[in-house]
Every structure is written in structure tokens, then in C-alpha cells.
Amino acid sequence: MHAMEKRGYDVSAVATIKEAQQLAQSLTPEFAVVDLRMPDGSGLD
């Protein structure tokens, strides 16, 4: 994440799928890096 910030990207991080869904409603991300083992489900959900 720090490498992306150093290159000028806005970076957001969340810990749960619920947080990711809420963030995605307020942003239009160009890409996402997801964890397949999130505490409340799969990052593919």
C-alpha cells in the first residue's frame, strides 16, 4: 500500500467485507486488491 501511495495513488484499506462494501458505495475504485480470507467471508463475495 505504501508503494502505491508513494506513486501518487489514493489508497484505502478495510478489514471486513462489510467495510469494503460501504467504501465501494462512496468511491469508484480503479482497481482493488482483495484478501480471500477475510474474517466475514471471501474477498470474492
PDB file of N, CA and C in Angstrom:
ATOM      1  N   MET A   1       0.817  -1.188   0.000  1.00  0.00           N
ATOM      2  CA  MET A   1       0.000   0.000   0.000  1.00  0.00           C
ATOM      3  C   MET A   1       0.863   1.255   0.000  1.00  0.00           C
ATOM      4  N   HIS A   2       1.913   1.240   0.792  1.00  0.00           N
ATOM      5  CA  HIS A   2       2.768   2.422   0.857  1.00  0.00           C
ATOM      6  C   HIS A   2       3.422   2.698  -0.494  1.00  0.00           C
ATOM      7  N   ALA A   3       3.760   1.656  -1.217  1.00  0.00           N
ATOM      8  CA  ALA A   3       4.366   1.838  -2.537  1.00  0.00           C
ATOM      9  C   ALA A   3       3.390   2.528  -3.481  1.00  0.00           C
ATOM     10  N   MET A   4       2.121   2.188  -3.395  1.00  0.00           N
ATOM     11  CA  MET A   4       1.116   2.821  -4.255  1.00  0.00           C
ATOM     12  C   MET A   4       0.932   4.289  -3.864  1.00  0.00           C
ATOM     13  N   GLU A   5       0.916   4.563  -2.566  1.00  0.00           N
ATOM     14  CA  GLU A   5       0.789   5.948  -2.104  1.00  0.00           C
ATOM     15  C   GLU A   5       1.974   6.786  -2.567  1.00  0.00           C
ATOM     16  N   LYS A   6       3.170   6.219  -2.523  1.00  0.00           N
ATOM     17  CA  LYS A   6       4.366   6.938  -2.959  1.00  0.00           C
ATOM     18  C   LYS A   6       4.296   7.288  -4.438  1.00  0.00           C
ATOM     19  N   ARG A   7       3.539   6.516  -5.195  1.00  0.00           N
ATOM     20  CA  ARG A   7       3.386   6.775  -6.629  1.00  0.00           C
ATOM     21  C   ARG A   7       2.196   7.689  -6.924  1.00  0.00           C
ATOM     22  N   GLY A   8       1.568   8.225  -5.869  1.00  0.00           N
ATOM     23  CA  GLY A   8       0.513   9.206  -6.065  1.00  0.00           C
ATOM     24  C   GLY A   8      -0.902   8.670  -6.058  1.00  0.00           C
ATOM     25  N   TYR A   9      -1.079   7.396  -5.785  1.00  0.00           N
ATOM     26  CA  TYR A   9      -2.419   6.820  -5.742  1.00  0.00           C
ATOM     27  C   TYR A   9      -3.074   7.086  -4.395  1.00  0.00           C
ATOM     28  N   ASP A  10      -4.384   7.275  -4.396  1.00  0.00           N
ATOM     29  CA  ASP A  10      -5.152   7.325  -3.158  1.00  0.00           C
ATOM     30  C   ASP A  10      -5.422   5.887  -2.756  1.00  0.00           C
ATOM     31  N   VAL A  11      -5.085   5.537  -1.533  1.00  0.00           N
ATOM     32  CA  VAL A  11      -5.198   4.160  -1.067  1.00  0.00           C
ATOM     33  C   VAL A  11      -6.145   4.107   0.122  1.00  0.00           C
ATOM     34  N   SER A  12      -7.045   3.132   0.113  1.00  0.00           N
ATOM     35  CA  SER A  12      -7.947   2.896   1.237  1.00  0.00           C
ATOM     36  C   SER A  12      -7.829   1.440   1.634  1.00  0.00           C
ATOM     37  N   ALA A  13      -7.916   1.183   2.925  1.00  0.00           N
ATOM     38  CA  ALA A  13      -7.836  -0.192   3.418  1.00  0.00           C
ATOM     39  C   ALA A  13      -9.007  -0.461   4.355  1.00  0.00           C
ATOM     40  N   VAL A  14      -9.517  -1.664   4.282  1.00  0.00           N
ATOM     41  CA  VAL A  14     -10.605  -2.093   5.163  1.00  0.00           C
ATOM     42  C   VAL A  14     -10.275  -3.472   5.703  1.00  0.00           C
ATOM     43  N   ALA A  15     -10.965  -3.866   6.772  1.00  0.00           N
ATOM     44  CA  ALA A  15     -10.682  -5.151   7.407  1.00  0.00           C
ATOM     45  C   ALA A  15     -11.775  -6.185   7.184  1.00  0.00           C
ATOM     46  N   THR A  16     -12.945  -5.747   6.727  1.00  0.00           N
ATOM     47  CA  THR A  16     -14.057  -6.686   6.546  1.00  0.00           C
ATOM     48  C   THR A  16     -14.757  -6.430   5.216  1.00  0.00           C
ATOM     49  N   ILE A  17     -15.525  -7.409   4.791  1.00  0.00           N
ATOM     50  CA  ILE A  17     -16.297  -7.253   3.556  1.00  0.00           C
ATOM     51  C   ILE A  17     -17.333  -6.152   3.712  1.00  0.00           C
ATOM     52  N   LYS A  18     -17.955  -6.077   4.872  1.00  0.00           N
ATOM     53  CA  LYS A  18     -18.951  -5.027   5.112  1.00  0.00           C
ATOM     54  C   LYS A  18     -18.329  -3.644   4.931  1.00  0.00           C
ATOM     55  N   GLU A  19     -17.141  -3.441   5.480  1.00  0.00           N
ATOM     56  CA  GLU A  19     -16.445  -2.161   5.311  1.00  0.00           C
ATOM     57  C   GLU A  19     -16.116  -1.911   3.841  1.00  0.00           C
ATOM     58  N   ALA A  20     -15.712  -2.946   3.131  1.00  0.00           N
ATOM     59  CA  ALA A  20     -15.386  -2.811   1.707  1.00  0.00           C
ATOM     60  C   ALA A  20     -16.618  -2.412   0.905  1.00  0.00           C
ATOM     61  N   GLN A  21     -17.755  -3.012   1.207  1.00  0.00           N
ATOM     62  CA  GLN A  21     -18.991  -2.677   0.503  1.00  0.00           C
ATOM     63  C   GLN A  21     -19.387  -1.230   0.764  1.00  0.00           C
ATOM     64  N   GLN A  22     -19.249  -0.788   2.007  1.00  0.00           N
ATOM     65  CA  GLN A  22     -19.574   0.601   2.341  1.00  0.00           C
ATOM     66  C   GLN A  22     -18.634   1.565   1.624  1.00  0.00           C
ATOM     67  N   LEU A  23     -17.361   1.248   1.595  1.00  0.00           N
ATOM     68  CA  LEU A  23     -16.387   2.104   0.923  1.00  0.00           C
ATOM     69  C   LEU A  23     -16.641   2.150  -0.581  1.00  0.00           C
ATOM     70  N   ALA A  24     -16.969   1.014  -1.163  1.00  0.00           N
ATOM     71  CA  ALA A  24     -17.216   0.947  -2.607  1.00  0.00           C
ATOM     72  C   ALA A  24     -18.430   1.777  -3.018  1.00  0.00           C
ATOM     73  N   GLN A  25     -19.361   1.996  -2.103  1.00  0.00           N
ATOM     74  CA  GLN A  25     -20.531   2.824  -2.417  1.00  0.00           C
ATOM     75  C   GLN A  25     -20.176   4.304  -2.483  1.00  0.00           C
ATOM     76  N   SER A  26     -19.106   4.702  -1.786  1.00  0.00           N
ATOM     77  CA  SER A  26     -18.735   6.111  -1.768  1.00  0.00           C
ATOM     78  C   SER A  26     -17.581   6.440  -2.718  1.00  0.00           C
ATOM     79  N   LEU A  27     -16.908   5.430  -3.245  1.00  0.00           N
ATOM     80  CA  LEU A  27     -15.783   5.622  -4.156  1.00  0.00           C
ATOM     81  C   LEU A  27     -16.010   4.864  -5.453  1.00  0.00           C
ATOM     82  N   THR A  28     -15.272   5.240  -6.472  1.00  0.00           N
ATOM     83  CA  THR A  28     -15.255   4.477  -7.715  1.00  0.00           C
ATOM     84  C   THR A  28     -13.815   4.020  -7.926  1.00  0.00           C
ATOM     85  N   PRO A  29     -13.459   2.876  -7.346  1.00  0.00           N
ATOM     86  CA  PRO A  29     -12.062   2.437  -7.435  1.00  0.00           C
ATOM     87  C   PRO A  29     -11.672   2.027  -8.853  1.00  0.00           C
ATOM     88  N   GLU A  30     -10.424   2.298  -9.213  1.00  0.00           N
ATOM     89  CA  GLU A  30      -9.905   1.854 -10.500  1.00  0.00           C
ATOM     90  C   GLU A  30      -9.501   0.392 -10.440  1.00  0.00           C
ATOM     91  N   PHE A  31      -9.077  -0.064  -9.272  1.00  0.00           N
ATOM     92  CA  PHE A  31      -8.779  -1.477  -9.072  1.00  0.00           C
ATOM     93  C   PHE A  31      -8.816  -1.783  -7.581  1.00  0.00           C
ATOM     94  N   ALA A  32      -8.892  -3.058  -7.265  1.00  0.00           N
ATOM     95  CA  ALA A  32      -8.945  -3.484  -5.860  1.00  0.00           C
ATOM     96  C   ALA A  32      -8.054  -4.700  -5.663  1.00  0.00           C
ATOM     97  N   VAL A  33      -7.370  -4.711  -4.551  1.00  0.00           N
ATOM     98  CA  VAL A  33      -6.596  -5.874  -4.125  1.00  0.00           C
ATOM     99  C   VAL A  33      -7.375  -6.463  -2.963  1.00  0.00           C
ATOM    100  N   VAL A  34      -7.772  -7.723  -3.084  1.00  0.00           N
ATOM    101  CA  VAL A  34      -8.622  -8.320  -2.052  1.00  0.00           C
ATOM    102  C   VAL A  34      -7.951  -9.518  -1.401  1.00  0.00           C
ATOM    103  N   ASP A  35      -8.342  -9.771  -0.185  1.00  0.00           N
ATOM    104  CA  ASP A  35      -7.862 -10.913   0.584  1.00  0.00           C
ATOM    105  C   ASP A  35      -8.932 -11.995   0.507  1.00  0.00           C
ATOM    106  N   LEU A  36      -8.564 -13.184   0.120  1.00  0.00           N
ATOM    107  CA  LEU A  36      -9.540 -14.267   0.004  1.00  0.00           C
ATOM    108  C   LEU A  36      -9.960 -14.826   1.358  1.00  0.00           C
ATOM    109  N   ARG A  37      -9.278 -14.444   2.411  1.00  0.00           N
ATOM    110  CA  ARG A  37      -9.582 -14.961   3.750  1.00  0.00           C
ATOM    111  C   ARG A  37      -9.934 -13.833   4.710  1.00  0.00           C
ATOM    112  N   MET A  38     -10.957 -13.091   4.392  1.00  0.00           N
ATOM    113  CA  MET A  38     -11.400 -12.022   5.276  1.00  0.00           C
ATOM    114  C   MET A  38     -12.245 -12.636   6.392  1.00  0.00           C
ATOM    115  N   PRO A  39     -12.307 -11.985   7.558  1.00  0.00           N
ATOM    116  CA  PRO A  39     -12.989 -12.587   8.699  1.00  0.00           C
ATOM    117  C   PRO A  39     -14.478 -12.850   8.486  1.00  0.00           C
ATOM    118  N   ASP A  40     -15.112 -12.084   7.608  1.00  0.00           N
ATOM    119  CA  ASP A  40     -16.551 -12.263   7.417  1.00  0.00           C
ATOM    120  C   ASP A  40     -16.903 -12.823   6.039  1.00  0.00           C
ATOM    121  N   GLY A  41     -15.951 -13.458   5.362  1.00  0.00           N
ATOM    122  CA  GLY A  41     -16.235 -14.088   4.075  1.00  0.00           C
ATOM    123  C   GLY A  41     -15.047 -14.004   3.134  1.00  0.00           C
ATOM    124  N   SER A  42     -15.293 -14.334   1.895  1.00  0.00           N
ATOM    125  CA  SER A  42     -14.265 -14.316   0.864  1.00  0.00           C
ATOM    126  C   SER A  42     -14.210 -12.945   0.203  1.00  0.00           C
ATOM    127  N   GLY A  43     -13.031 -12.493  -0.147  1.00  0.00           N
ATOM    128  CA  GLY A  43     -12.891 -11.239  -0.863  1.00  0.00           C
ATOM    129  C   GLY A  43     -13.518 -11.273  -2.246  1.00  0.00           C
ATOM    130  N   LEU A  44     -13.938 -12.435  -2.693  1.00  0.00           N
ATOM    131  CA  LEU A  44     -14.603 -12.565  -3.994  1.00  0.00           C
ATOM    132  C   LEU A  44     -16.107 -12.333  -3.904  1.00  0.00           C
ATOM    133  N   ASP A  45     -16.635 -12.240  -2.685  1.00  0.00           N
ATOM    134  CA  ASP A  45     -18.087 -12.045  -2.499  1.00  0.00           C
ATOM    135  C   ASP A  45     -18.545 -10.714  -3.033  1.00  0.00           C
TER     136      ASP A  45
END
